[in-house]
Amino acid sequence: MASIIWTTVWWFLMVELVIVLILVIPVPRKVRNALARPVSRLRLGDRFSKIGLFVTIGLTFALIESISSIQALQERQKLEHELDHAGIGGGGTEHDRIFHDLDRQRKFRAERNMYLAAFSLTLQFVIMRLCQLMQESVESDEEIKRLTTAIASEGASTDDDDSKKKGGVEMTMLGKKKKSQDKKKD
């Protein structure tokens, strides 16, 4: 049963590696945003966040289990080593060597499992952060486009107002000149 779980963790790690590779491939900003827009519109990040939370919790428990297995094996080896030095242990019998080899295998597997869980957990956080950065990039580009169109439309209306003001100013100036000319005539 444990091998099935750790095989699943290994496959999950491979899927995470592929996802990270896809997310970090250097592509132009417009292409990346074109790919990220549908993801942000569908709110896939929010939908997968609950699944990601359960996966993160599972990987955390797997990491804790691996670390506790390693510590238990190290304590056992330390105790056997102390007993051998005190002369209480069985010495170098075939039975002891077999158990020593089995302990080394268990320790190797526990360390391997710890690395698998730790790398999977790390990649989980990396993927979450990359998705957040892509979402922020899409939002900032949309904000830039919105502000650019607002400024352009405001600029167009300001140009119309300026021409009206200029016309009004010119009319006012002409009116003042006429009044001053009329006063001079009188």
Protein backbone atom coordinates (compact mmCIF):
# COMPACT_ATOMS: atom_id res chain seq x y z
CA MET A 1 0.00 0.00 0.00
CA ALA A 2 2.81 2.39 0.87
CA SER A 3 4.48 1.83 -2.49
CA ILE A 4 1.24 2.80 -4.27
CA ILE A 5 1.07 6.03 -2.29
CA TRP A 6 4.69 6.92 -2.98
CA THR A 7 4.34 5.99 -6.65
CA THR A 8 1.39 8.39 -6.78
CA VAL A 9 3.49 11.08 -5.13
CA TRP A 10 6.23 10.48 -7.71
CA TRP A 11 3.75 10.82 -10.61
CA PHE A 12 2.33 13.94 -8.99
CA LEU A 13 5.86 15.33 -8.80
CA MET A 14 6.38 14.60 -12.51
CA VAL A 15 3.11 16.37 -13.41
CA GLU A 16 4.17 19.35 -11.30
CA LEU A 17 7.53 19.48 -13.08
CA VAL A 18 5.79 19.55 -16.46
CA ILE A 19 3.44 22.32 -15.29
CA VAL A 20 6.35 24.40 -13.97
CA LEU A 21 8.26 23.92 -17.22
CA ILE A 22 5.24 25.10 -19.20
CA LEU A 23 4.76 28.11 -16.93
CA VAL A 24 8.39 29.24 -17.10
CA ILE A 25 8.92 28.82 -20.84
CA PRO A 26 10.00 32.25 -22.08
CA VAL A 27 7.26 33.46 -24.41
CA PRO A 28 6.28 37.03 -25.32
CA ARG A 29 4.07 38.82 -22.84
CA LYS A 30 1.16 39.07 -25.26
CA VAL A 31 1.18 35.31 -25.88
CA ARG A 32 1.41 34.53 -22.17
CA ASN A 33 -1.42 36.93 -21.37
CA ALA A 34 -3.51 35.49 -24.21
CA LEU A 35 -3.08 32.07 -22.61
CA ALA A 36 -3.68 33.36 -19.09
CA ARG A 37 -6.85 35.35 -19.84
CA PRO A 38 -9.11 32.30 -20.29
CA VAL A 39 -7.70 30.79 -17.11
CA SER A 40 -8.38 34.00 -15.17
CA ARG A 41 -11.88 34.40 -16.64
CA LEU A 42 -12.84 30.86 -15.67
CA ARG A 43 -11.33 31.38 -12.21
CA LEU A 44 -9.57 28.02 -12.41
CA GLY A 45 -7.17 29.10 -9.69
CA ASP A 46 -10.05 29.54 -7.25
CA ARG A 47 -11.59 26.23 -8.27
CA PHE A 48 -8.36 24.30 -7.86
CA SER A 49 -7.33 26.05 -4.65
CA LYS A 50 -9.37 23.65 -2.49
CA ILE A 51 -7.87 20.64 -4.25
CA GLY A 52 -4.44 22.22 -3.87
CA LEU A 53 -5.08 22.70 -0.17
CA PHE A 54 -5.85 19.00 0.31
CA VAL A 55 -2.81 18.01 -1.75
CA THR A 56 -0.64 20.36 0.31
CA ILE A 57 -1.97 18.89 3.55
CA GLY A 58 -1.39 15.35 2.26
CA LEU A 59 2.16 16.15 1.17
CA THR A 60 2.85 17.78 4.53
CA PHE A 61 1.69 14.65 6.36
CA ALA A 62 3.80 12.51 4.01
CA LEU A 63 6.82 14.70 4.74
CA ILE A 64 6.25 14.44 8.48
CA GLU A 65 5.84 10.66 8.23
CA SER A 66 9.09 10.36 6.28
CA ILE A 67 11.01 12.49 8.74
CA SER A 68 9.67 10.52 11.71
CA SER A 69 10.61 7.23 9.97
CA ILE A 70 14.14 8.49 9.42
CA GLN A 71 14.44 9.60 13.03
CA ALA A 72 13.15 6.26 14.31
CA LEU A 73 15.65 4.35 12.16
CA GLN A 74 18.49 6.60 13.29
CA GLU A 75 17.56 6.09 16.94
CA ARG A 76 17.43 2.34 16.39
CA GLN A 77 20.84 2.32 14.69
CA LYS A 78 22.27 4.48 17.47
CA LEU A 79 20.91 2.12 20.12
CA GLU A 80 22.29 -0.93 18.30
CA HIS A 81 25.65 0.78 17.94
CA GLU A 82 25.76 1.57 21.68
CA LEU A 83 24.78 -2.01 22.54
CA ASP A 84 27.50 -3.37 20.26
CA HIS A 85 30.13 -1.19 21.94
CA ALA A 86 28.91 -2.22 25.38
CA GLY A 87 29.20 -5.87 24.40
CA ILE A 88 25.51 -6.58 24.94
CA GLY A 89 24.61 -6.91 21.27
CA GLY A 90 24.73 -10.12 19.30
CA GLY A 91 27.81 -9.05 17.41
CA GLY A 92 28.33 -9.95 13.80
CA THR A 93 25.93 -12.82 13.27
CA GLU A 94 24.26 -13.35 9.91
CA HIS A 95 20.92 -12.38 11.44
CA ASP A 96 22.26 -8.99 12.58
CA ARG A 97 23.80 -8.26 9.19
CA ILE A 98 20.49 -8.99 7.45
CA PHE A 99 18.65 -6.62 9.81
CA HIS A 100 21.35 -4.01 9.33
CA ASP A 101 20.90 -4.26 5.53
CA LEU A 102 17.13 -4.03 5.90
CA ASP A 103 17.49 -0.96 8.09
CA ARG A 104 19.73 0.67 5.50
CA GLN A 105 17.11 -0.05 2.82
CA ARG A 106 14.34 1.36 5.01
CA LYS A 107 16.41 4.45 5.71
CA PHE A 108 17.14 4.92 2.00
CA ARG A 109 13.42 4.62 1.14
CA ALA A 110 12.40 6.96 3.94
CA GLU A 111 14.94 9.56 2.77
CA ARG A 112 13.79 9.14 -0.84
CA ASN A 113 10.18 9.59 0.24
CA MET A 114 11.10 12.66 2.24
CA TYR A 115 12.77 14.22 -0.82
CA LEU A 116 9.80 13.33 -3.03
CA ALA A 117 7.33 14.91 -0.63
CA ALA A 118 9.51 17.98 -0.06
CA PHE A 119 10.07 18.61 -3.79
CA SER A 120 6.38 18.09 -4.54
CA LEU A 121 5.43 20.50 -1.78
CA THR A 122 7.96 23.06 -3.02
CA LEU A 123 6.70 22.79 -6.58
CA GLN A 124 3.14 23.15 -5.31
CA PHE A 125 4.06 26.55 -3.86
CA VAL A 126 6.01 27.52 -6.98
CA ILE A 127 3.05 26.71 -9.22
CA MET A 128 0.69 28.69 -6.98
CA ARG A 129 2.99 31.72 -7.07
CA LEU A 130 3.52 31.52 -10.84
CA CYS A 131 -0.23 31.41 -11.37
CA GLN A 132 -0.65 34.43 -9.10
CA LEU A 133 2.00 36.34 -11.03
CA MET A 134 0.34 35.48 -14.35
CA GLN A 135 -3.03 36.63 -12.97
CA GLU A 136 -1.49 39.91 -11.78
CA SER A 137 0.13 40.39 -15.20
CA VAL A 138 -3.21 39.94 -16.97
CA GLU A 139 -4.95 42.29 -14.56
CA SER A 140 -2.26 44.96 -14.93
CA ASP A 141 -2.40 44.74 -18.74
CA GLU A 142 -6.18 45.11 -18.65
CA GLU A 143 -5.82 48.08 -16.31
CA ILE A 144 -3.26 49.67 -18.64
CA LYS A 145 -5.59 49.22 -21.61
CA ARG A 146 -8.51 50.66 -19.66
CA LEU A 147 -6.49 53.67 -18.52
CA THR A 148 -5.08 54.21 -22.02
CA THR A 149 -8.56 54.28 -23.54
CA ALA A 150 -9.81 56.54 -20.74
CA ILE A 151 -6.93 58.95 -21.25
CA ALA A 152 -7.40 58.89 -25.01
CA SER A 153 -11.12 59.60 -24.73
CA GLU A 154 -10.47 62.27 -22.11
CA GLY A 155 -7.79 63.76 -24.33
CA ALA A 156 -10.22 63.87 -27.26
CA SER A 157 -12.88 65.57 -25.16
CA THR A 158 -10.26 67.96 -23.78
CA ASP A 159 -9.17 68.82 -27.32
CA ASP A 160 -12.78 69.60 -28.20
CA ASP A 161 -13.13 71.70 -25.05
CA ASP A 162 -9.82 73.44 -25.77
CA SER A 163 -10.95 74.34 -29.27
CA LYS A 164 -14.21 75.66 -27.83
CA LYS A 165 -12.28 77.57 -25.20
CA LYS A 166 -9.86 78.86 -27.77
CA GLY A 167 -12.79 79.89 -29.91
CA GLY A 168 -14.40 81.48 -26.90
CA VAL A 169 -11.20 83.22 -25.95
CA GLU A 170 -10.78 84.44 -29.50
CA MET A 171 -14.37 85.67 -29.51
CA THR A 172 -13.83 87.37 -26.17
CA MET A 173 -10.64 88.98 -27.44
CA LEU A 174 -12.42 90.15 -30.58
CA GLY A 175 -15.25 91.53 -28.46
CA LYS A 176 -12.80 93.43 -26.27
CA LYS A 177 -10.98 94.78 -29.33
CA LYS A 178 -14.29 95.93 -30.77
CA LYS A 179 -15.22 97.65 -27.55
CA SER A 180 -11.86 99.34 -27.33
CA GLN A 181 -12.15 100.44 -30.98
CA ASP A 182 -15.66 101.74 -30.36
CA LYS A 183 -14.40 103.72 -27.37
CA LYS A 184 -11.63 105.20 -29.46
CA LYS A 185 -14.13 106.26 -32.09
CA ASP A 186 -16.30 107.94 -29.56
